[in-house]
């Protein structure tokens, strides 16, 4: 059986590689592989590398929070910076933490795509076939495309990432920044690649992006003159906020039942806390559903 996969991002390419036995064709709206992985591919486990047969590097990451006022104020300020809402359901822990992470090779996306059939400049339209389709399209977009009744209000935050290269650097850190005076919420370094995540930006422009990189570098002890190749990457869905779980589940099942479309990925299933590592199990579930056409199982596990 042949299948179509909509989107040549990480989710779509991973599905394509894991489901080669279904002869997948990937449909991508852009003219080339999307450059939407500015936050270097760093995973909690090695499972994605294992299923792809691509070795990931195991490293130790130092994670820390820059204290601002007190743990409660810091948690609320961090939530507001990211979402525009004061929420207590995502606390931040003071102090330092050391964690193991797995780093993909820098050419991971190219290596994932090289043995797949990808049709560029092509979009999913309303002339849908009955062949199975795995969609990585964000749920609000797919709902509109399929003219789903009673669409909910989706809340999300747009933002951008500012990245820079640091010569002679091989560090692995993650720094949470609750202080409202700093526009970025997190600074990370993976190897020689620094990222400053800026949700809900108030300004734009080349000079502003450069100032972000300089401020972020100062917080992690890097001199401004050592930064190279400063770039910015817009994030349409920098942060997504949850919707009613029943509404989310009902749409996913409806799209599969009515249009043979299986939703895959954080934005397609609208699960804010979904880890990339979890995609492997999700793809395996979808594979089983396609093989068995078990609607009841799809409904229970969506």
Protein backbone atom coordinates (compact mmCIF):
# COMPACT_ATOMS: atom_id res chain seq x y z
CA UNK A 1 0.00 0.00 0.00
CA UNK A 2 1.27 3.48 -0.88
CA UNK A 3 0.90 6.43 1.49
CA UNK A 4 1.40 10.19 1.32
CA UNK A 5 3.13 12.24 4.01
CA UNK A 6 2.45 15.98 4.17
CA UNK A 7 5.44 18.00 5.33
CA UNK A 8 9.19 17.40 4.96
CA UNK A 9 10.11 18.58 8.44
CA UNK A 10 11.55 16.28 11.05
CA UNK A 11 8.22 14.53 11.76
CA UNK A 12 7.47 13.86 8.10
CA UNK A 13 10.97 12.68 7.27
CA UNK A 14 11.07 10.39 10.28
CA UNK A 15 7.73 8.88 9.26
CA UNK A 16 8.98 8.46 5.70
CA UNK A 17 12.06 6.56 6.84
CA UNK A 18 10.18 4.35 9.29
CA UNK A 19 7.38 3.57 6.82
CA UNK A 20 9.38 2.79 3.68
CA UNK A 21 7.48 -0.49 3.39
CA UNK A 22 4.42 1.65 2.53
CA UNK A 23 6.22 3.30 -0.42
CA UNK A 24 5.74 6.84 0.94
CA UNK A 25 5.70 10.05 -1.08
CA UNK A 26 6.34 13.24 0.88
CA UNK A 27 4.51 16.41 -0.17
CA UNK A 28 6.23 19.66 0.80
CA UNK A 29 4.83 23.15 0.19
CA UNK A 30 8.24 24.84 0.15
CA UNK A 31 10.66 24.67 -2.76
CA UNK A 32 13.32 22.90 -0.70
CA UNK A 33 13.73 21.15 2.64
CA UNK A 34 12.29 23.48 5.30
CA UNK A 35 14.86 25.35 7.37
CA UNK A 36 12.79 25.05 10.54
CA UNK A 37 15.24 23.34 12.86
CA UNK A 38 17.17 26.33 14.12
CA UNK A 39 17.02 24.93 17.65
CA UNK A 40 19.77 22.34 17.21
CA UNK A 41 18.48 18.77 17.26
CA UNK A 42 19.08 17.67 20.84
CA UNK A 43 17.10 14.72 22.17
CA UNK A 44 16.45 13.14 25.56
CA UNK A 45 17.06 9.64 24.21
CA UNK A 46 18.88 7.98 21.32
CA UNK A 47 15.74 6.34 19.94
CA UNK A 48 15.47 8.45 16.76
CA UNK A 49 19.10 7.79 15.87
CA UNK A 50 18.61 4.10 16.63
CA UNK A 51 15.63 3.64 14.30
CA UNK A 52 17.39 5.59 11.55
CA UNK A 53 20.70 3.76 11.98
CA UNK A 54 22.44 7.14 12.45
CA UNK A 55 24.71 7.43 15.51
CA UNK A 56 23.90 10.27 17.89
CA UNK A 57 26.49 11.70 20.26
CA UNK A 58 25.80 11.27 23.97
CA UNK A 59 26.70 14.39 25.98
CA UNK A 60 26.20 15.85 29.44
CA UNK A 61 24.17 19.06 29.51
CA UNK A 62 24.33 21.61 32.31
CA UNK A 63 20.91 23.19 32.88
CA UNK A 64 20.40 26.24 35.07
CA UNK A 65 18.02 29.08 35.90
CA UNK A 66 19.16 32.67 36.37
CA UNK A 67 17.29 33.71 39.56
CA UNK A 68 15.28 36.90 39.27
CA UNK A 69 13.17 37.47 42.42
CA UNK A 70 11.96 34.28 44.11
CA UNK A 71 10.87 30.83 42.87
CA UNK A 72 7.18 31.76 42.59
CA UNK A 73 7.75 35.11 40.88
CA UNK A 74 10.33 33.55 38.58
CA UNK A 75 7.98 30.76 37.51
CA UNK A 76 5.12 33.16 36.77
CA UNK A 77 7.40 35.62 34.97
CA UNK A 78 8.82 32.81 32.84
CA UNK A 79 5.31 31.62 31.99
CA UNK A 80 4.19 35.13 31.03
CA UNK A 81 7.28 35.71 28.90
CA UNK A 82 6.57 32.53 26.93
CA UNK A 83 2.78 32.57 26.66
CA UNK A 84 1.44 35.98 27.65
CA UNK A 85 -0.32 34.30 30.58
CA UNK A 86 0.60 33.81 34.22
CA UNK A 87 0.42 30.03 34.66
CA UNK A 88 1.58 27.76 37.45
CA UNK A 89 1.38 24.47 35.57
CA UNK A 90 4.93 24.73 34.26
CA UNK A 91 7.26 25.43 37.13
CA UNK A 92 10.97 26.04 36.81
CA UNK A 93 13.40 24.60 39.31
CA UNK A 94 16.07 26.80 40.84
CA UNK A 95 19.67 25.67 40.89
CA UNK A 96 21.71 23.57 38.52
CA UNK A 97 20.90 20.24 36.95
CA UNK A 98 23.01 17.85 34.91
CA UNK A 99 21.25 15.70 32.31
CA UNK A 100 22.20 13.31 29.53
CA UNK A 101 21.22 14.27 26.00
CA UNK A 102 21.82 12.92 22.51
CA UNK A 103 23.01 15.18 19.71
CA UNK A 104 22.22 14.44 16.08
CA UNK A 105 24.79 15.03 13.33
CA UNK A 106 24.41 18.46 11.70
CA UNK A 107 23.34 16.94 8.38
CA UNK A 108 20.57 14.81 9.91
CA UNK A 109 17.76 16.37 7.85
CA UNK A 110 19.63 15.87 4.57
CA UNK A 111 20.47 12.29 5.45
CA UNK A 112 16.85 11.57 6.34
CA UNK A 113 15.63 12.97 3.02
CA UNK A 114 18.18 11.51 0.64
CA UNK A 115 16.46 8.15 0.11
CA UNK A 116 12.88 9.44 0.09
CA UNK A 117 10.63 10.73 -2.69
CA UNK A 118 9.85 14.38 -1.91
CA UNK A 119 7.57 16.52 -4.11
CA UNK A 120 8.35 20.19 -3.52
CA UNK A 121 6.08 23.17 -4.23
CA UNK A 122 3.12 20.88 -3.56
CA UNK A 123 0.34 21.37 -1.03
CA UNK A 124 -2.37 19.18 0.42
CA UNK A 125 -5.66 20.32 -1.08
CA UNK A 126 -9.27 19.34 -0.70
CA UNK A 127 -9.07 16.79 -3.53
CA UNK A 128 -8.16 14.04 -1.13
CA UNK A 129 -7.76 10.43 -2.13
CA UNK A 130 -8.68 7.41 -0.08
CA UNK A 131 -5.02 6.43 0.25
CA UNK A 132 -3.68 6.94 3.78
CA UNK A 133 -2.21 10.39 4.42
CA UNK A 134 0.05 11.25 7.34
CA UNK A 135 -0.24 14.97 8.01
CA UNK A 136 2.22 17.10 9.96
CA UNK A 137 0.18 20.23 9.17
CA UNK A 138 -0.71 22.29 12.25
CA UNK A 139 -4.16 21.38 13.51
CA UNK A 140 -5.71 24.87 13.01
CA UNK A 141 -4.62 24.84 9.34
CA UNK A 142 -5.88 21.32 8.68
CA UNK A 143 -9.21 22.06 10.38
CA UNK A 144 -9.79 24.99 8.02
CA UNK A 145 -8.69 23.01 4.99
CA UNK A 146 -11.11 20.20 5.80
CA UNK A 147 -13.87 22.67 6.81
CA UNK A 148 -14.26 21.01 10.18
CA UNK A 149 -17.36 22.29 12.03
CA UNK A 150 -17.10 24.05 15.40
CA UNK A 151 -13.43 24.94 15.19
CA UNK A 152 -12.06 26.01 18.59
CA UNK A 153 -9.95 29.06 19.32
CA UNK A 154 -6.31 28.10 19.02
CA UNK A 155 -3.89 30.13 21.08
CA UNK A 156 -0.23 30.23 20.24
CA UNK A 157 2.74 32.55 20.43
CA UNK A 158 4.89 33.59 17.51
CA UNK A 159 8.56 34.29 18.02
CA UNK A 160 12.03 33.86 16.61
CA UNK A 161 15.35 32.24 17.44
CA UNK A 162 18.61 34.10 17.16
CA UNK A 163 21.57 31.82 16.56
CA UNK A 164 25.32 32.37 16.41
CA UNK A 165 28.43 30.26 16.08
CA UNK A 166 31.16 30.33 18.74
CA UNK A 167 34.59 29.23 17.47
CA UNK A 168 36.66 26.98 19.73
CA UNK A 169 33.60 25.97 21.71
CA UNK A 170 32.31 22.50 22.60
CA UNK A 171 29.78 23.18 25.36
CA UNK A 172 26.32 21.84 26.17
CA UNK A 173 24.21 24.11 28.33
CA UNK A 174 20.62 25.24 28.75
CA UNK A 175 19.86 28.47 30.62
CA UNK A 176 16.34 29.59 31.58
CA UNK A 177 15.90 33.36 31.87
CA UNK A 178 12.73 34.51 33.70
CA UNK A 179 13.80 38.17 34.12
CA UNK A 180 11.37 40.31 32.03
CA UNK A 181 14.18 42.73 31.20
CA UNK A 182 15.68 40.11 28.91
CA UNK A 183 13.56 39.47 25.78
CA UNK A 184 14.68 35.85 25.43
CA UNK A 185 13.38 33.06 27.65
CA UNK A 186 16.11 30.50 27.08
CA UNK A 187 19.72 30.38 25.93
CA UNK A 188 21.31 27.12 24.85
CA UNK A 189 24.66 26.08 23.49
CA UNK A 190 25.07 22.81 21.62
CA UNK A 191 28.66 22.31 20.63
CA UNK A 192 29.60 25.62 19.04
CA UNK A 193 26.01 26.65 18.22
CA UNK A 194 24.28 29.19 20.50
CA UNK A 195 20.52 29.76 20.37
CA UNK A 196 18.49 32.51 22.08
CA UNK A 197 14.73 31.82 22.01
CA UNK A 198 12.59 34.97 21.82
CA UNK A 199 8.85 34.45 22.25
CA UNK A 200 6.42 37.35 21.79
CA UNK A 201 9.07 39.74 20.35
CA UNK A 202 8.52 43.46 20.70
CA UNK A 203 11.01 44.51 18.03
CA UNK A 204 12.62 43.27 14.83
CA UNK A 205 15.55 44.31 12.69
CA UNK A 206 19.18 43.40 12.12
CA UNK A 207 20.53 45.58 14.93
CA UNK A 208 17.99 44.17 17.37
CA UNK A 209 18.86 40.59 16.47
CA UNK A 210 22.54 41.35 16.97
CA UNK A 211 21.81 42.88 20.39
CA UNK A 212 19.90 39.73 21.36
CA UNK A 213 22.89 37.57 20.48
CA UNK A 214 25.24 39.84 22.44
CA UNK A 215 23.02 39.87 25.55
CA UNK A 216 22.56 36.10 25.44
CA UNK A 217 26.29 35.52 24.99
CA UNK A 218 27.09 37.76 27.96
CA UNK A 219 24.87 35.65 30.22
CA UNK A 220 26.83 32.50 29.40
CA UNK A 221 30.26 34.11 29.58
CA UNK A 222 30.95 34.56 25.85
CA UNK A 223 32.54 37.80 24.65
CA UNK A 224 30.58 39.64 21.89
CA UNK A 225 33.58 39.68 19.56
CA UNK A 226 33.67 35.88 19.55
CA UNK A 227 30.22 35.50 17.95
CA UNK A 228 30.13 34.56 14.28
CA UNK A 229 27.40 34.12 11.69
CA UNK A 230 24.45 35.61 13.59
CA UNK A 231 21.16 34.51 12.05
CA UNK A 232 17.46 34.71 12.85
CA UNK A 233 14.76 32.09 12.28
CA UNK A 234 11.07 32.96 12.62
CA UNK A 235 8.93 30.54 14.63
CA UNK A 236 5.24 30.58 13.65
CA UNK A 237 4.38 28.38 16.61
CA UNK A 238 7.07 29.30 19.12
CA UNK A 239 4.74 28.21 21.91
CA UNK A 240 1.35 26.53 21.67
CA UNK A 241 -1.25 26.57 24.43
CA UNK A 242 -3.53 23.62 25.14
CA UNK A 243 -7.12 23.31 23.93
CA UNK A 244 -9.90 21.13 25.33
CA UNK A 245 -8.59 17.56 25.10
CA UNK A 246 -11.88 16.10 23.90
CA UNK A 247 -12.06 18.62 21.06
CA UNK A 248 -8.50 17.78 20.06
CA UNK A 249 -9.09 14.02 20.16
CA UNK A 250 -12.42 14.21 18.34
CA UNK A 251 -10.87 16.08 15.41
CA UNK A 252 -7.95 13.68 15.08
CA UNK A 253 -10.33 10.73 14.93
CA UNK A 254 -12.69 12.54 12.54
CA UNK A 255 -9.87 13.40 10.13
CA UNK A 256 -8.80 9.75 10.07
CA UNK A 257 -12.29 8.31 9.85
CA UNK A 258 -13.61 10.73 7.21
CA UNK A 259 -10.48 11.51 5.15
CA UNK A 260 -7.96 8.77 5.99
CA UNK A 261 -5.63 11.43 7.42
CA UNK A 262 -3.40 10.53 10.37
CA UNK A 263 -2.06 13.48 12.39
CA UNK A 264 1.58 13.33 13.49
CA UNK A 265 3.71 15.70 15.53
CA UNK A 266 3.33 18.35 18.21
CA UNK A 267 1.48 20.91 16.10
CA UNK A 268 -0.62 18.42 14.12
CA UNK A 269 -1.91 16.79 17.30
CA UNK A 270 -1.70 20.07 19.28
CA UNK A 271 0.14 18.57 22.26
CA UNK A 272 2.37 21.30 23.75
CA UNK A 273 4.50 18.91 25.78
CA UNK A 274 5.11 16.30 23.09
CA UNK A 275 8.76 15.26 22.84
CA UNK A 276 10.33 14.49 19.49
CA UNK A 277 11.48 11.16 20.91
CA UNK A 278 7.82 10.17 21.31
CA UNK A 279 7.25 10.37 17.55
CA UNK A 280 8.80 6.94 17.08
CA UNK A 281 6.03 5.25 19.06
CA UNK A 282 3.35 7.44 17.41
CA UNK A 283 4.56 6.37 13.95
CA UNK A 284 4.52 2.73 14.99
CA UNK A 285 0.92 3.13 16.17
CA UNK A 286 -0.08 4.78 12.88
CA UNK A 287 1.62 1.97 10.97
CA UNK A 288 -0.45 -0.57 12.88
CA UNK A 289 -3.67 1.34 12.26
CA UNK A 290 -2.95 1.59 8.53
CA UNK A 291 -2.27 -2.14 8.35
CA UNK A 292 -5.33 -3.20 10.35
CA UNK A 293 -7.74 -0.34 9.58
CA UNK A 294 -8.82 -0.61 13.24
CA UNK A 295 -10.95 2.49 13.89
CA UNK A 296 -11.58 1.60 17.53
CA UNK A 297 -7.85 1.39 18.29
CA UNK A 298 -7.29 4.76 16.57
CA UNK A 299 -9.93 6.36 18.75
CA UNK A 300 -8.53 4.94 21.98
CA UNK A 301 -4.92 6.00 21.36
CA UNK A 302 -5.16 9.33 19.56
